[in-house]
Amino acid sequence: MSATFGGRSGRQGRLSQWLRGRRPKETADDGGREALLLAAAGAGLPLAPAAHPAPGYRCSCDRVGCPTPARHPVSFAWQTQSTTDRAQIERWVRHQPQANFITATGMTHDVLDVPLPAGREALERLLGSGVEVGPVAESDDGRMLFFTLTRGTPEDEDEWWPCELDCHPETMDEHPGLRWHCRGSYVLVPPALLPGDDQRVRWARGPEHALPDPLSLLEVLTDACARYAGAEHQASAWPLRH
């Protein structure tokens, strides 16, 4: 990958400004929330109810020291519960008005989950190169989620890994900062609220965009993650050298 890509002029500069300034048209009212969730389901993302923030930076599950507050399903049966059925999602939204929603990965789609700065760089490069990019979500806890087609169940079971939210693949050294949510995992689907003041998960590119093959994004994403990891390492080492 070119080390000089960071220049911001011409088309790249305009694209960078668009990415920084653009915010999806999400509304706070229940009707807008329901419409966004139904749009995600309509795009083939299976949904299930999730926890939501509680006062005092706590999770609605009331588990002491919940490790993923407002980021996990409310049911242990979330994999079989997840659905794209419109009527069921409407019932959930209306009966659980504060609930976030997760989408189960590895069924129809996977998610490539990267640090937000790396994701923004990668998205700019992909769009600037004319690569088809699907739905993309931004999380105020510092992550960017690229929604892709799933690879499904490979013939070689050692080729891919079941990925949990707090685990990294064995190839983490080769793909710094990247999490591949596939079979057995999930992510929050926008719109979602996180603990803190106005902390959210929102669409940067909505679910109306077709899901791409993950391999069409992987090289640019891993390269951006490597740049990000290198910059973070240099920043942490700087005080030791001065």
Protein backbone atom coordinates (compact mmCIF):
# COMPACT_ATOMS: atom_id res chain seq x y z
CA MET A 1 0.00 0.00 0.00
CA SER A 2 1.23 3.47 -0.78
CA ALA A 3 2.77 5.31 2.14
CA THR A 4 1.91 8.63 0.55
CA PHE A 5 -1.82 8.09 0.52
CA GLY A 6 -2.30 10.47 3.45
CA GLY A 7 -2.06 13.55 1.19
CA ARG A 8 -5.32 15.51 1.28
CA SER A 9 -5.83 17.32 -2.00
CA GLY A 10 -8.26 17.27 -4.88
CA ARG A 11 -10.71 14.39 -4.85
CA GLN A 12 -9.12 12.78 -1.80
CA GLY A 13 -9.40 16.00 0.21
CA ARG A 14 -13.07 16.46 -0.69
CA LEU A 15 -13.76 12.82 0.17
CA SER A 16 -12.01 13.24 3.52
CA GLN A 17 -14.15 16.28 4.34
CA TRP A 18 -17.30 14.38 3.40
CA LEU A 19 -16.37 11.45 5.66
CA ARG A 20 -15.62 13.72 8.62
CA GLY A 21 -18.70 15.85 8.25
CA ARG A 22 -21.34 13.36 7.14
CA ARG A 23 -23.78 12.01 9.72
CA PRO A 24 -26.64 9.65 8.89
CA LYS A 25 -30.17 10.97 9.14
CA GLU A 26 -31.09 9.11 12.32
CA THR A 27 -33.94 10.46 14.34
CA ALA A 28 -34.44 10.08 18.08
CA ASP A 29 -38.16 9.33 17.85
CA ASP A 30 -39.41 5.76 18.16
CA GLY A 31 -40.72 5.76 14.59
CA GLY A 32 -37.30 6.66 13.19
CA ARG A 33 -35.61 4.01 15.31
CA GLU A 34 -38.09 1.35 14.24
CA ALA A 35 -37.68 2.30 10.58
CA LEU A 36 -33.89 1.98 10.80
CA LEU A 37 -34.11 -1.43 12.47
CA LEU A 38 -36.63 -2.67 9.92
CA ALA A 39 -34.38 -1.42 7.13
CA ALA A 40 -31.50 -3.44 8.60
CA ALA A 41 -33.70 -6.54 8.81
CA GLY A 42 -34.96 -5.91 5.30
CA ALA A 43 -31.34 -5.93 4.12
CA GLY A 44 -30.97 -9.43 5.56
CA LEU A 45 -29.40 -8.67 8.95
CA PRO A 46 -31.00 -10.98 11.58
CA LEU A 47 -31.80 -9.02 14.77
CA ALA A 48 -32.38 -9.83 18.43
CA PRO A 49 -32.97 -7.57 21.48
CA ALA A 50 -29.95 -6.43 23.47
CA ALA A 51 -29.28 -4.67 26.76
CA HIS A 52 -29.32 -0.88 27.02
CA PRO A 53 -27.56 1.72 29.21
CA ALA A 54 -28.80 2.27 32.75
CA PRO A 55 -28.12 5.30 34.98
CA GLY A 56 -24.63 5.52 36.39
CA TYR A 57 -22.84 4.01 33.39
CA ARG A 58 -24.44 0.66 34.23
CA CYS A 59 -26.06 -1.99 32.07
CA SER A 60 -29.77 -2.78 32.10
CA CYS A 61 -28.91 -6.43 32.88
CA ASP A 62 -27.91 -5.33 36.42
CA ARG A 63 -25.01 -7.77 36.40
CA VAL A 64 -22.35 -6.47 38.79
CA GLY A 65 -19.34 -5.50 36.70
CA CYS A 66 -20.99 -6.36 33.38
CA PRO A 67 -18.00 -6.61 30.98
CA THR A 68 -19.93 -5.35 27.93
CA PRO A 69 -22.59 -2.94 29.24
CA ALA A 70 -25.42 -2.30 26.77
CA ARG A 71 -23.57 -4.34 24.12
CA HIS A 72 -24.86 -7.90 24.66
CA PRO A 73 -28.08 -9.82 23.89
CA VAL A 74 -30.74 -10.14 26.59
CA SER A 75 -31.35 -13.83 25.86
CA PHE A 76 -28.90 -16.74 25.91
CA ALA A 77 -30.86 -18.04 22.90
CA TRP A 78 -29.94 -15.03 20.77
CA GLN A 79 -28.57 -17.16 17.90
CA THR A 80 -31.85 -19.01 17.37
CA GLN A 81 -33.91 -15.95 18.33
CA SER A 82 -32.30 -13.67 15.72
CA THR A 83 -34.67 -12.96 12.86
CA THR A 84 -35.46 -10.70 9.93
CA ASP A 85 -39.22 -11.17 10.42
CA ARG A 86 -40.80 -7.74 10.27
CA ALA A 87 -43.74 -8.48 12.59
CA GLN A 88 -41.49 -9.92 15.30
CA ILE A 89 -39.10 -6.98 15.18
CA GLU A 90 -42.02 -4.54 15.38
CA ARG A 91 -43.26 -6.35 18.51
CA TRP A 92 -39.82 -6.22 20.12
CA VAL A 93 -39.36 -2.53 19.36
CA ARG A 94 -42.76 -1.59 20.76
CA HIS A 95 -42.61 -3.82 23.85
CA GLN A 96 -38.96 -3.04 24.65
CA PRO A 97 -38.66 0.64 23.72
CA GLN A 98 -35.25 1.15 25.36
CA ALA A 99 -33.59 -2.00 24.05
CA ASN A 100 -30.60 -1.96 21.76
CA PHE A 101 -30.45 -4.66 19.09
CA ILE A 102 -27.67 -6.98 18.02
CA THR A 103 -27.30 -8.66 14.66
CA ALA A 104 -26.02 -12.24 14.65
CA THR A 105 -23.07 -12.70 12.29
CA GLY A 106 -22.10 -15.79 10.33
CA MET A 107 -25.63 -16.43 9.06
CA THR A 108 -26.00 -14.08 6.11
CA HIS A 109 -23.27 -11.58 6.89
CA ASP A 110 -19.96 -11.07 8.68
CA VAL A 111 -18.55 -7.88 10.19
CA LEU A 112 -14.97 -6.62 9.97
CA ASP A 113 -14.45 -4.56 13.12
CA VAL A 114 -11.50 -2.13 13.22
CA PRO A 115 -10.31 0.88 15.26
CA LEU A 116 -12.20 3.99 14.19
CA PRO A 117 -9.19 5.98 12.86
CA ALA A 118 -8.06 2.98 10.80
CA GLY A 119 -11.59 2.42 9.57
CA ARG A 120 -12.00 6.00 8.41
CA GLU A 121 -8.71 5.87 6.52
CA ALA A 122 -9.65 2.55 4.94
CA LEU A 123 -13.13 3.73 3.97
CA GLU A 124 -11.70 6.79 2.27
CA ARG A 125 -9.22 4.68 0.35
CA LEU A 126 -11.83 2.11 -0.69
CA LEU A 127 -14.33 4.71 -1.88
CA GLY A 128 -11.58 6.67 -3.63
CA SER A 129 -10.53 3.49 -5.47
CA GLY A 130 -14.07 2.72 -6.57
CA VAL A 131 -14.36 -0.45 -4.48
CA GLU A 132 -17.91 -1.50 -3.65
CA VAL A 133 -18.32 -0.93 0.09
CA GLY A 134 -21.39 -2.14 1.92
CA PRO A 135 -23.01 -0.85 5.11
CA VAL A 136 -20.60 0.72 7.60
CA ALA A 137 -21.33 1.67 11.22
CA GLU A 138 -19.41 3.97 13.56
CA SER A 139 -19.36 3.47 17.31
CA ASP A 140 -18.52 6.24 19.75
CA ASP A 141 -16.45 3.74 21.75
CA GLY A 142 -13.86 3.93 18.97
CA ARG A 143 -14.72 1.17 16.49
CA MET A 144 -15.87 1.05 12.87
CA LEU A 145 -17.88 -1.92 11.57
CA PHE A 146 -17.78 -3.03 7.92
CA PHE A 147 -20.71 -5.31 7.07
CA THR A 148 -19.94 -7.94 4.43
CA LEU A 149 -21.26 -11.19 3.03
CA THR A 150 -20.44 -14.19 5.18
CA ARG A 151 -17.85 -16.74 4.13
CA GLY A 152 -20.19 -19.38 5.52
CA THR A 153 -18.87 -22.69 6.79
CA PRO A 154 -15.58 -23.46 5.03
CA GLU A 155 -14.56 -26.95 3.93
CA ASP A 156 -11.42 -26.56 6.00
CA GLU A 157 -12.60 -25.88 9.56
CA ASP A 158 -9.17 -24.49 10.46
CA GLU A 159 -9.42 -21.76 7.83
CA TRP A 160 -11.76 -19.51 9.83
CA TRP A 161 -12.49 -19.10 13.52
CA PRO A 162 -15.59 -18.61 15.67
CA CYS A 163 -15.10 -15.08 17.00
CA GLU A 164 -16.50 -13.70 20.25
CA LEU A 165 -16.62 -9.99 21.06
CA ASP A 166 -13.73 -10.21 23.53
CA CYS A 167 -11.51 -12.55 21.48
CA HIS A 168 -9.08 -12.03 18.67
CA PRO A 169 -8.14 -14.51 15.92
CA GLU A 170 -4.87 -16.39 16.14
CA THR A 171 -3.57 -14.28 13.25
CA MET A 172 -3.85 -11.09 15.31
CA ASP A 173 -0.15 -10.30 14.82
CA GLU A 174 -0.72 -10.28 11.07
CA HIS A 175 -3.93 -8.24 11.31
CA PRO A 176 -3.40 -5.78 14.20
CA GLY A 177 -6.59 -4.31 15.57
CA LEU A 178 -8.93 -6.31 13.33
CA ARG A 179 -11.76 -8.46 14.67
CA TRP A 180 -13.65 -10.68 12.25
CA HIS A 181 -17.16 -11.31 13.58
CA CYS A 182 -18.42 -14.46 11.91
CA ARG A 183 -20.00 -17.68 13.11
CA GLY A 184 -21.01 -17.48 16.78
CA SER A 185 -20.57 -13.72 17.19
CA TYR A 186 -22.65 -10.54 17.01
CA VAL A 187 -22.40 -6.76 16.91
CA LEU A 188 -24.73 -3.93 17.87
CA VAL A 189 -26.77 -2.69 14.94
CA PRO A 190 -27.59 1.04 14.64
CA PRO A 191 -29.24 2.91 16.13
CA ALA A 192 -27.89 1.91 19.54
CA LEU A 193 -27.02 3.77 22.74
CA LEU A 194 -23.86 3.16 24.79
CA PRO A 195 -23.13 4.13 28.40
CA GLY A 196 -22.03 7.77 28.67
CA ASP A 197 -23.22 11.13 27.46
CA ASP A 198 -24.77 10.77 24.00
CA GLN A 199 -22.59 7.78 23.09
CA ARG A 200 -24.04 5.94 20.12
CA VAL A 201 -23.61 3.44 17.33
CA ARG A 202 -24.73 5.00 14.04
CA TRP A 203 -24.66 4.26 10.34
CA ALA A 204 -21.94 5.94 8.30
CA ARG A 205 -23.27 4.06 5.23
CA GLY A 206 -26.73 2.59 5.59
CA PRO A 207 -28.01 -0.95 5.02
CA GLU A 208 -29.32 -0.02 1.57
CA HIS A 209 -25.79 -0.69 0.28
CA ALA A 210 -25.22 -4.24 -0.96
CA LEU A 211 -23.01 -6.51 1.13
CA PRO A 212 -19.57 -7.00 -0.49
CA ASP A 213 -17.24 -9.99 -0.37
CA PRO A 214 -15.08 -9.50 2.76
CA LEU A 215 -11.91 -10.33 0.83
CA SER A 216 -12.44 -7.25 -1.36
CA LEU A 217 -11.97 -5.07 1.75
CA LEU A 218 -9.51 -7.10 3.77
CA GLU A 219 -6.19 -5.92 2.31
CA VAL A 220 -7.01 -2.22 2.73
CA LEU A 221 -8.43 -2.76 6.22
CA THR A 222 -5.43 -4.74 7.47
CA ASP A 223 -3.05 -2.20 5.97
CA ALA A 224 -4.90 0.67 7.70
CA CYS A 225 -4.88 -1.28 10.98
CA ALA A 226 -1.12 -1.82 10.66
CA ARG A 227 -0.62 1.93 10.14
CA TYR A 228 -2.79 2.66 13.16
CA ALA A 229 -0.94 0.13 15.33
CA GLY A 230 2.41 1.59 14.24
CA ALA A 231 1.29 5.14 15.04
CA GLU A 232 -0.02 4.03 18.45
CA HIS A 233 3.29 2.28 19.21
CA GLN A 234 5.30 5.35 18.24
CA ALA A 235 3.06 7.60 20.37
CA SER A 236 3.43 5.35 23.42
CA ALA A 237 7.20 5.08 22.98
CA TRP A 238 7.78 8.82 22.43
CA PRO A 239 8.03 9.86 26.12
CA LEU A 240 10.65 7.17 26.69
CA ARG A 241 12.93 8.72 24.06
CA HIS A 242 12.66 12.29 25.31
